Structures are given as C-alpha cells and as structure tokens.
Amino acid sequence: MDLLIAEPLEAEVLEWLDARHELFYAPRLMHDRQVFMEAWGQARAALLPPQVAVDARMIALAPRLRAIGRIVGGPENIDLTACTRSGVEVLRCVDAAAPAEAEFMLGALLALLRPSPEEMGRVAGRELGTCTVGLVGMNSSARKIARLLQALGSRVIGYDPALHASDPQWSRWGVQPVGLRELFEQSHAVCVQLHYYSRYRGLLGERALPYCQRGQVLVSVSPVSLFDEELLAELLQSGRMAAAWLDNVGPGPLEPGQPLSGVRGLLVTPRLASYTREARVRSAWGVARRVDEVLRSTPTTARAGLRRRAVAVPAGPQATPRPGATPASAADPLSASTTGSRPGSVSSAGAPGAKAPPVDSDPLPGPGHPRTTLRPGASAGPGASPASH
C-alpha cells in the first residue's frame, strides 16, 4: 500500500491520487484503532486528521513510512525530531489558510473595537482606520491582513523574531519593523499569527504584555502556548487590556482552576479562522502534490537502518489478541502526546481551474454499517483488512 488516507478528502484530489498510487481510503478509520494500526504499519505515506498524535513509537511501527501529510491543523502533536531522525517528512501547506485567517482577524478586530451592549453609553468604540495595528509574525496571513489594514488607513507595525529590522522586505510590505515591547506600547490593536516553535513558548510574556496600551485589543490565531497565560489573564481582569480573541485554544487552558478560565473580555474559538472550504481545498491540493513527489522519489522498501518490529494487530474489531501480543491501545495514536519543534512546510499547489468538490461529511457509521471506504464507490466491512487492497 502506498498511501493511507484516514480523513475525508475532496473527491477531485482523491481521484487524482488514486490514478497515481495504491490507496487505502478510510475516512472513518480512526474509530477502529485495530484496523488503523494494521494499515499504518504497511503505509509509505499517510494523511492524518489533526487529532492523531504521532510519536517515535508510532513511527517505529511503520517501517516503510516516508511522509505524513496534515491537511488541517498544525504539527503540534507530531514528534518532528523523531520524524527527522527517521527520514519521515511532515507535509503541510502552511500558506493555504492565509486568506481565511486574514479575513477572520480583520473581522475580529472590527468586533473587539466596538463596545459590548453592556458598555453602550459608557464606552466609545474605535474606528480601525485611525488605529495603529501591530503584527506579531510576518507570515502569509500577516502580509494579507497588512494590505487590508492599509486600505482602511491603519498604520501597521510589525515584529518577527526570524526577520531582522534591516531586511528590505519590511519596506516592500509597507510595515514598520519595531521591537516586541515597542509593538505593544504603540499598538491600539495586536494581531498574532506567528508560526509556533517550541523555542517560542511564553514569548508573549513579561517582556511584552505588561507594556500594552490601556484599552488594547488582541486577536491571535497562534497556539496559546505563545502566551504567559497568567499574565494575559491578569491584564484582562484588570481592564488594562480591553479584550482578547484567541482562536487556537484547546479545552485544557479553559478548565476550572486554569488562569484563563472565566476571564472577562476573553473570547475563545477552536481554530475557526482557517475553517473555510477554500482553505481546505488549497491545502488538500498542496499536500497531495507533495505526497505524490515523495512517493515517486523514495524506495518502497523499509527505511535504512531500521529494525523491523513484529506487531500483532487483529484484522477486525471482533478479533481477540493472541496471548502476549501487544494490544492496539499500547500504540494508540489518539492517546499519544508530543510536541514538535520545527514544523515542515510545502508550497501551495492548486489545481488550475478545478472546482471545489464536496467534502465527505457523512455521519459516523452506526452498528451494522460499513466503517471504511477503500476507493470511490467501494466499501469494506468492519473486519476488512488493508492488506488486500
């Protein structure tokens, strides 16, 4: 098997891949861990949904694996060090969601700069065109929102830890480079879209947040790990920061007893910024083309220097493990938890003139219904094995 696809995929992208490689297409496979692990052990490449974590143990169980594609979401739960060490590429299309994220952040800024219904008559809003807006991270999303803000008349300043202030790109973008502290001091509004690396954990903390302008609003599509959560909560509770909208927050930071739980002025959404049909289609095509390149350019044999490990995985959900065999839950990808340090990226490659096909959004199967679909128009029952496809 060349490619395991364990998430819904646009029909045109699926057909394009199917014409080039041997596929095991099972968009609901994550609900059958045993069959997933059998397919994972045979795959040369895999497209995985964002809730699937991949660590060194998982990689060792897939000796032929050369690439992991992620269409939606980031690489936060993929052990990128282990992937690099094993010669496994992590393929993403990091620019695919840039237009969607720019639109989302612009709308969020407009909303946060207006008073809430409870504040009407006591607090006046601000027009975005009269504001200075600071951008933290100058990726594609930042450059797109910079153009939108400049069209409204906003002054745009920026900071990127990987881009020197003397770089000529700043002037081409029309963005004034400043230090991180100066950005928070000068900005009426701040947009955070910095790509996350482990070395950036807590970057937005004591050296920046305490210097924010009074009444500042903040919008972030970056992981909450960039922030000092206790300090952010303190600034919001005190009213020094008027409001914050965080669009990349899991359930953990909002649980009772956590710093951000119940904080006034805080809006939280689960990665809605990039959740558009157009962004997904761009990402699917970009990742699919890179997967095709990897499969065509790498050998079909097990990775060099790897000792193959025998894994006893039942072929169907009703099977019983042999005595002494490792249960599927021991290598359960849904429970693994690791954090990467250097996400991979690919350039976005679209299909010229291609229309966006419908996404497979059928409800999850109930008892007695097929659990996997191998190819368009074909299906497999609960006990199906990928070995024969």
Protein backbone atom coordinates (compact mmCIF):
# COMPACT_ATOMS: atom_id res chain seq x y z
CA MET A 1 0.00 0.00 0.00
CA ASP A 2 1.34 3.43 -0.95
CA LEU A 3 -0.96 5.83 0.84
CA LEU A 4 -3.23 5.63 3.89
CA ILE A 5 -5.89 8.36 3.95
CA ALA A 6 -7.59 8.41 7.34
CA GLU A 7 -9.65 11.56 6.94
CA PRO A 8 -12.27 12.85 4.47
CA LEU A 9 -10.71 14.14 1.25
CA GLU A 10 -12.14 16.21 -1.57
CA ALA A 11 -13.31 13.99 -4.44
CA GLU A 12 -11.13 15.54 -7.16
CA VAL A 13 -7.98 15.31 -5.01
CA LEU A 14 -8.81 11.70 -4.12
CA GLU A 15 -9.29 10.75 -7.78
CA TRP A 16 -6.01 12.45 -8.70
CA LEU A 17 -4.12 10.45 -6.06
CA ASP A 18 -5.98 7.23 -6.88
CA ALA A 19 -4.82 7.44 -10.51
CA ARG A 20 -1.19 7.54 -9.35
CA HIS A 21 -0.89 5.39 -6.25
CA GLU A 22 -2.33 2.40 -4.40
CA LEU A 23 -4.66 3.86 -1.76
CA PHE A 24 -6.39 2.72 1.38
CA TYR A 25 -9.06 5.39 1.80
CA ALA A 26 -10.86 5.07 5.12
CA PRO A 27 -12.09 8.48 6.34
CA ARG A 28 -13.66 6.97 9.47
CA LEU A 29 -10.79 4.65 10.27
CA MET A 30 -9.88 6.44 13.50
CA HIS A 31 -12.97 4.85 15.06
CA ASP A 32 -11.39 1.40 14.57
CA ARG A 33 -7.94 1.52 16.15
CA GLN A 34 -7.02 -2.06 15.36
CA VAL A 35 -7.56 -1.74 11.63
CA PHE A 36 -5.84 1.66 11.69
CA MET A 37 -2.70 0.19 13.24
CA GLU A 38 -2.59 -2.60 10.65
CA ALA A 39 -2.90 -0.09 7.81
CA TRP A 40 -0.39 2.27 9.46
CA GLY A 41 2.21 -0.49 9.59
CA GLN A 42 2.02 -1.00 5.80
CA ALA A 43 1.77 2.60 4.57
CA ARG A 44 4.52 4.51 2.77
CA ALA A 45 2.68 7.78 3.40
CA ALA A 46 -0.34 8.78 5.45
CA LEU A 47 -2.79 11.68 5.54
CA LEU A 48 -3.91 12.02 9.15
CA PRO A 49 -6.54 14.21 10.84
CA PRO A 50 -5.32 16.76 13.42
CA GLN A 51 -6.45 14.77 16.46
CA VAL A 52 -3.98 11.96 15.65
CA ALA A 53 -0.71 12.31 17.54
CA VAL A 54 2.47 10.74 16.17
CA ASP A 55 5.46 9.99 18.37
CA ALA A 56 8.67 7.96 17.98
CA ARG A 57 6.92 4.73 18.94
CA MET A 58 4.28 5.24 16.26
CA ILE A 59 6.94 5.92 13.63
CA ALA A 60 8.82 2.75 14.59
CA LEU A 61 5.65 0.74 13.93
CA ALA A 62 5.59 1.95 10.29
CA PRO A 63 8.91 0.80 8.77
CA ARG A 64 8.02 1.84 5.20
CA LEU A 65 6.69 5.27 6.15
CA ARG A 66 8.25 8.20 4.27
CA ALA A 67 5.77 11.04 4.75
CA ILE A 68 2.95 12.26 6.99
CA GLY A 69 0.54 14.75 5.43
CA ARG A 70 -1.59 17.10 7.50
CA ILE A 71 -4.25 18.99 5.57
CA VAL A 72 -5.92 20.73 8.52
CA GLY A 73 -4.24 21.87 11.72
CA GLY A 74 -0.65 22.23 12.78
CA PRO A 75 2.14 19.81 13.73
CA GLU A 76 1.91 20.44 17.48
CA ASN A 77 1.22 16.77 18.27
CA ILE A 78 3.76 15.30 15.83
CA ASP A 79 7.22 14.49 17.15
CA LEU A 80 9.15 16.32 14.46
CA THR A 81 12.52 15.39 15.92
CA ALA A 82 11.65 11.70 15.66
CA CYS A 83 10.38 12.23 12.11
CA THR A 84 13.62 13.93 11.06
CA ARG A 85 15.71 11.22 12.70
CA SER A 86 13.72 8.51 10.88
CA GLY A 87 13.71 10.23 7.49
CA VAL A 88 9.96 10.87 7.55
CA GLU A 89 8.81 14.17 6.03
CA VAL A 90 5.93 16.13 7.58
CA LEU A 91 4.00 17.73 4.74
CA ARG A 92 1.76 20.76 5.25
CA CYS A 93 0.58 23.62 3.09
CA VAL A 94 1.19 26.45 5.53
CA ASP A 95 0.03 29.25 3.20
CA ALA A 96 -3.31 27.65 2.27
CA ALA A 97 -5.24 29.28 5.10
CA ALA A 98 -3.68 32.75 4.80
CA PRO A 99 -6.66 34.48 3.10
CA ALA A 100 -9.10 32.89 5.55
CA GLU A 101 -7.04 33.86 8.59
CA ALA A 102 -6.62 37.43 7.36
CA GLU A 103 -10.38 37.82 6.89
CA PHE A 104 -11.06 36.31 10.31
CA MET A 105 -8.61 38.59 12.10
CA LEU A 106 -9.95 41.68 10.35
CA GLY A 107 -13.50 40.81 11.40
CA ALA A 108 -12.37 40.07 14.95
CA LEU A 109 -10.61 43.43 15.23
CA LEU A 110 -13.68 45.28 14.00
CA ALA A 111 -15.84 43.47 16.55
CA LEU A 112 -13.48 43.96 19.50
CA LEU A 113 -13.05 47.68 18.83
CA ARG A 114 -16.76 48.24 19.32
CA PRO A 115 -18.23 48.36 22.84
CA SER A 116 -20.34 45.50 24.12
CA PRO A 117 -24.08 46.11 24.56
CA GLU A 118 -23.50 46.46 28.30
CA GLU A 119 -20.94 49.22 27.70
CA MET A 120 -23.09 51.27 25.31
CA GLY A 121 -23.31 54.86 26.52
CA ARG A 122 -20.30 54.46 28.81
CA VAL A 123 -17.54 53.38 26.43
CA ALA A 124 -16.97 54.65 22.89
CA GLY A 125 -15.62 52.35 20.20
CA ARG A 126 -12.73 52.96 17.83
CA GLU A 127 -12.51 53.04 14.04
CA LEU A 128 -9.87 50.65 12.77
CA GLY A 129 -8.69 53.15 10.15
CA THR A 130 -7.48 55.52 12.89
CA CYS A 131 -5.60 52.82 14.83
CA THR A 132 -2.04 51.57 14.90
CA VAL A 133 -2.11 47.79 14.48
CA GLY A 134 0.83 45.60 15.49
CA LEU A 135 1.51 42.30 13.73
CA VAL A 136 3.45 39.58 15.59
CA GLY A 137 4.86 37.21 12.98
CA MET A 138 5.13 38.18 9.30
CA ASN A 139 3.87 35.06 7.57
CA SER A 140 1.46 34.99 4.61
CA SER A 141 -1.55 35.69 6.85
CA ALA A 142 0.17 38.77 8.29
CA ARG A 143 1.07 40.13 4.88
CA LYS A 144 -2.50 39.72 3.66
CA ILE A 145 -4.07 41.43 6.66
CA ALA A 146 -1.45 44.20 6.40
CA ARG A 147 -2.79 45.05 2.94
CA LEU A 148 -6.38 45.03 4.22
CA LEU A 149 -5.49 47.29 7.13
CA GLN A 150 -3.53 49.70 4.96
CA ALA A 151 -6.54 50.01 2.65
CA LEU A 152 -8.59 51.14 5.66
CA GLY A 153 -5.95 53.73 6.60
CA SER A 154 -4.43 51.92 9.59
CA ARG A 155 -0.78 52.38 10.49
CA VAL A 156 0.80 48.92 10.53
CA ILE A 157 3.88 47.97 12.55
CA GLY A 158 5.37 44.51 12.94
CA TYR A 159 7.73 42.18 14.76
CA ASP A 160 9.12 38.82 13.68
CA PRO A 161 11.85 37.06 15.69
CA ALA A 162 13.20 35.48 12.50
CA LEU A 163 13.35 38.70 10.43
CA HIS A 164 15.89 41.46 11.02
CA ALA A 165 14.66 45.04 11.11
CA SER A 166 17.01 45.92 8.24
CA ASP A 167 15.51 43.35 5.88
CA PRO A 168 14.20 45.09 2.72
CA GLN A 169 11.00 43.03 2.82
CA TRP A 170 9.59 45.30 5.53
CA SER A 171 9.54 48.27 3.18
CA ARG A 172 8.03 46.19 0.38
CA TRP A 173 5.18 45.21 2.71
CA GLY A 174 4.72 48.78 3.94
CA VAL A 175 5.14 47.59 7.54
CA GLN A 176 7.37 49.40 10.03
CA PRO A 177 9.61 46.97 11.99
CA VAL A 178 9.77 47.52 15.75
CA GLY A 179 10.84 45.59 18.82
CA LEU A 180 8.31 43.42 20.62
CA ARG A 181 7.99 45.78 23.59
CA GLU A 182 7.60 48.79 21.30
CA LEU A 183 4.90 46.99 19.33
CA PHE A 184 2.73 46.54 22.43
CA GLU A 185 3.48 50.08 23.60
CA GLN A 186 2.41 51.69 20.31
CA SER A 187 -0.47 49.50 19.15
CA HIS A 188 -4.17 50.03 19.74
CA ALA A 189 -4.72 46.52 18.39
CA VAL A 190 -2.44 43.49 18.01
CA CYS A 191 -2.71 40.50 15.65
CA VAL A 192 -0.68 37.38 16.49
CA GLN A 193 -0.12 34.85 13.71
CA LEU A 194 3.41 33.68 14.45
CA HIS A 195 4.17 30.08 13.44
CA TYR A 196 4.76 28.13 16.64
CA TYR A 197 8.10 26.54 17.53
CA SER A 198 8.86 25.17 20.98
CA ARG A 199 11.51 27.87 21.48
CA TYR A 200 8.73 30.49 21.26
CA ARG A 201 6.81 29.11 24.24
CA GLY A 202 5.88 32.02 26.51
CA LEU A 203 7.32 34.60 24.08
CA LEU A 204 4.40 36.94 24.77
CA GLY A 205 5.02 37.35 28.46
CA GLU A 206 6.90 39.71 30.78
CA ARG A 207 8.94 41.31 28.01
CA ALA A 208 5.88 42.43 26.05
CA LEU A 209 2.40 42.11 27.56
CA PRO A 210 2.81 44.44 30.58
CA TYR A 211 3.63 47.32 28.20
CA CYS A 212 0.38 47.14 26.25
CA GLN A 213 -1.57 50.33 25.73
CA ARG A 214 -4.54 50.72 28.04
CA GLY A 215 -7.64 49.57 26.19
CA GLN A 216 -5.66 47.50 23.70
CA VAL A 217 -7.42 44.61 21.92
CA LEU A 218 -5.68 41.43 20.76
CA VAL A 219 -6.52 38.73 18.21
CA SER A 220 -4.45 35.54 17.90
CA VAL A 221 -4.60 32.57 15.54
CA SER A 222 -1.38 31.15 17.02
CA PRO A 223 -1.25 28.47 19.74
CA VAL A 224 -1.95 29.73 23.25
CA SER A 225 1.47 28.34 24.25
CA LEU A 226 2.97 31.57 22.90
CA PHE A 227 1.42 33.45 25.81
CA ASP A 228 2.11 33.71 29.51
CA GLU A 229 -1.45 32.71 30.39
CA GLU A 230 -1.37 34.06 33.95
CA LEU A 231 -0.13 37.46 32.83
CA LEU A 232 -2.67 37.65 29.99
CA ALA A 233 -5.47 36.78 32.42
CA GLU A 234 -4.26 39.47 34.85
CA LEU A 235 -4.23 42.17 32.16
CA LEU A 236 -7.74 41.26 31.01
CA GLN A 237 -9.16 41.08 34.53
CA SER A 238 -7.68 44.46 35.44
CA GLY A 239 -9.10 46.09 32.30
CA ARG A 240 -5.71 47.28 31.06
CA MET A 241 -6.26 45.07 28.01
CA ALA A 242 -9.83 45.59 26.86
CA ALA A 243 -10.40 42.26 25.09
CA ALA A 244 -8.65 39.29 23.52
CA TRP A 245 -9.85 36.78 20.96
CA LEU A 246 -7.85 33.54 20.88
CA ASP A 247 -8.66 31.19 18.01
CA ASN A 248 -6.25 28.34 18.72
CA VAL A 249 -7.07 27.11 22.20
CA GLY A 250 -7.79 23.54 23.23
CA PRO A 251 -10.06 22.66 26.16
CA GLY A 252 -7.23 22.35 28.71
CA PRO A 253 -6.46 26.06 29.32
CA LEU A 254 -10.15 26.82 29.90
CA GLU A 255 -10.80 24.16 32.54
CA PRO A 256 -11.74 25.36 36.04
CA GLY A 257 -8.68 26.40 38.01
CA GLN A 258 -6.66 27.35 34.92
CA PRO A 259 -5.55 31.02 34.54
CA LEU A 260 -7.77 31.77 31.53
CA SER A 261 -10.90 30.11 32.91
CA GLY A 262 -13.78 32.60 33.21
CA VAL A 263 -11.64 35.67 32.44
CA ARG A 264 -13.57 38.80 31.48
CA GLY A 265 -13.04 40.14 27.97
CA LEU A 266 -11.75 36.81 26.63
CA LEU A 267 -13.28 35.18 23.55
CA VAL A 268 -12.12 31.71 22.55
CA THR A 269 -12.84 29.75 19.35
CA PRO A 270 -11.47 26.36 18.19
CA ARG A 271 -9.46 27.22 15.06
CA LEU A 272 -12.35 28.82 13.18
CA ALA A 273 -10.07 31.24 11.34
CA SER A 274 -8.82 28.69 8.81
CA TYR A 275 -12.03 26.66 8.65
CA THR A 276 -13.23 27.56 5.17
CA ARG A 277 -13.96 25.42 2.15
CA GLU A 278 -11.49 27.33 0.01
CA ALA A 279 -8.64 26.99 2.52
CA ARG A 280 -9.18 23.25 2.83
CA VAL A 281 -9.19 22.73 -0.94
CA ARG A 282 -5.95 24.71 -1.33
CA SER A 283 -4.35 22.73 1.47
CA ALA A 284 -5.56 19.37 0.13
CA TRP A 285 -4.06 20.02 -3.31
CA GLY A 286 -0.79 21.32 -1.89
CA VAL A 287 -0.29 18.33 0.41
CA ALA A 288 -1.43 15.83 -2.24
CA ARG A 289 1.12 17.07 -4.76
CA ARG A 290 3.95 16.86 -2.22
CA VAL A 291 2.89 13.36 -1.17
CA ASP A 292 2.99 12.33 -4.83
CA GLU A 293 6.52 13.73 -5.15
CA VAL A 294 7.72 11.86 -2.06
CA LEU A 295 6.18 8.55 -3.12
CA ARG A 296 7.69 8.81 -6.58
CA SER A 297 11.16 9.68 -5.31
CA THR A 298 11.62 7.27 -2.39
CA PRO A 299 12.09 3.48 -2.34
CA THR A 300 9.25 1.12 -1.44
CA THR A 301 11.42 -0.84 1.00
CA ALA A 302 11.74 -0.28 4.75
CA ARG A 303 13.78 2.71 5.85
CA ALA A 304 17.53 2.12 6.03
CA GLY A 305 18.92 1.12 9.42
CA LEU A 306 15.50 0.30 10.84
CA ARG A 307 14.93 -2.94 12.71
CA ARG A 308 11.51 -4.24 11.80
CA ARG A 309 9.29 -4.98 14.75
CA ALA A 310 6.59 -7.61 14.61
CA VAL A 311 3.27 -6.18 15.79
CA ALA A 312 0.31 -8.43 16.42
CA VAL A 313 -2.72 -6.41 15.36
CA PRO A 314 -6.13 -8.05 14.90
CA ALA A 315 -7.58 -7.67 11.41
CA GLY A 316 -11.03 -6.69 12.62
CA PRO A 317 -12.75 -5.16 15.63
CA GLN A 318 -14.12 -8.52 16.79
CA ALA A 319 -10.73 -10.27 16.83
CA THR A 320 -9.06 -11.23 20.10
CA PRO A 321 -5.35 -10.55 20.57
CA ARG A 322 -3.06 -13.56 20.92
CA PRO A 323 -1.69 -14.20 24.43
CA GLY A 324 1.33 -11.99 24.97
CA ALA A 325 0.60 -9.80 21.94
CA THR A 326 0.77 -6.03 22.31
CA PRO A 327 -2.78 -4.67 22.48
CA ALA A 328 -3.71 -1.99 19.97
CA SER A 329 -4.21 0.53 22.77
CA ALA A 330 -0.50 0.32 23.61
CA ALA A 331 0.24 2.13 20.37
CA ASP A 332 -2.96 4.13 20.29
CA PRO A 333 -2.34 7.26 18.23
CA LEU A 334 -5.26 9.02 19.86
CA SER A 335 -3.62 8.96 23.27
CA ALA A 336 -0.05 9.84 22.29
CA SER A 337 1.03 13.35 23.23
CA THR A 338 4.17 15.01 21.97
CA THR A 339 5.18 18.50 20.90
CA GLY A 340 7.32 19.16 17.84
CA SER A 341 9.94 21.82 17.45
CA ARG A 342 10.26 22.53 13.77
CA PRO A 343 7.21 22.17 11.54
CA GLY A 344 7.75 21.27 7.92
CA SER A 345 6.07 23.21 5.15
CA VAL A 346 5.24 22.88 1.50
CA SER A 347 4.29 25.39 -1.13
CA SER A 348 0.64 25.59 -2.05
CA ALA A 349 -0.04 23.90 -5.37
CA GLY A 350 -3.57 24.32 -6.65
CA ALA A 351 -5.33 22.66 -9.50
CA PRO A 352 -5.76 25.26 -12.24
CA GLY A 353 -9.43 25.74 -12.95
CA ALA A 354 -10.51 22.98 -10.59
CA LYS A 355 -13.77 23.49 -8.77
CA ALA A 356 -14.01 22.79 -5.07
CA PRO A 357 -15.63 19.36 -4.73
CA PRO A 358 -17.84 18.48 -1.78
CA VAL A 359 -16.19 17.27 1.40
CA ASP A 360 -17.17 13.85 2.68
CA SER A 361 -19.21 14.82 5.72
CA ASP A 362 -21.39 11.75 6.15
CA PRO A 363 -22.32 10.96 9.76
CA LEU A 364 -20.27 8.37 11.57
CA PRO A 365 -21.46 4.82 10.95
CA GLY A 366 -23.71 3.10 13.44
CA PRO A 367 -23.84 -0.57 14.31
CA GLY A 368 -24.04 -2.73 11.21
CA HIS A 369 -22.85 -0.02 8.82
CA PRO A 370 -19.57 -0.10 6.86
CA ARG A 371 -16.67 1.54 8.67
CA THR A 372 -14.26 2.19 5.82
CA THR A 373 -14.31 3.10 2.17
CA LEU A 374 -11.37 1.87 0.12
CA ARG A 375 -11.92 3.78 -3.10
CA PRO A 376 -14.72 5.89 -4.51
CA GLY A 377 -17.70 3.61 -4.91
CA ALA A 378 -16.24 0.70 -2.95
CA SER A 379 -16.65 -0.16 0.72
CA ALA A 380 -15.32 -2.57 3.27
CA GLY A 381 -16.99 -4.10 6.27
CA PRO A 382 -15.80 -3.77 9.87
CA GLY A 383 -13.45 -6.71 9.55
CA ALA A 384 -11.79 -5.55 6.36
CA SER A 385 -8.02 -5.66 6.19
CA PRO A 386 -5.96 -3.17 4.20
CA ALA A 387 -3.53 -5.90 3.23
CA SER A 388 -5.64 -6.97 0.29
CA HIS A 389 -6.15 -3.51 -1.20
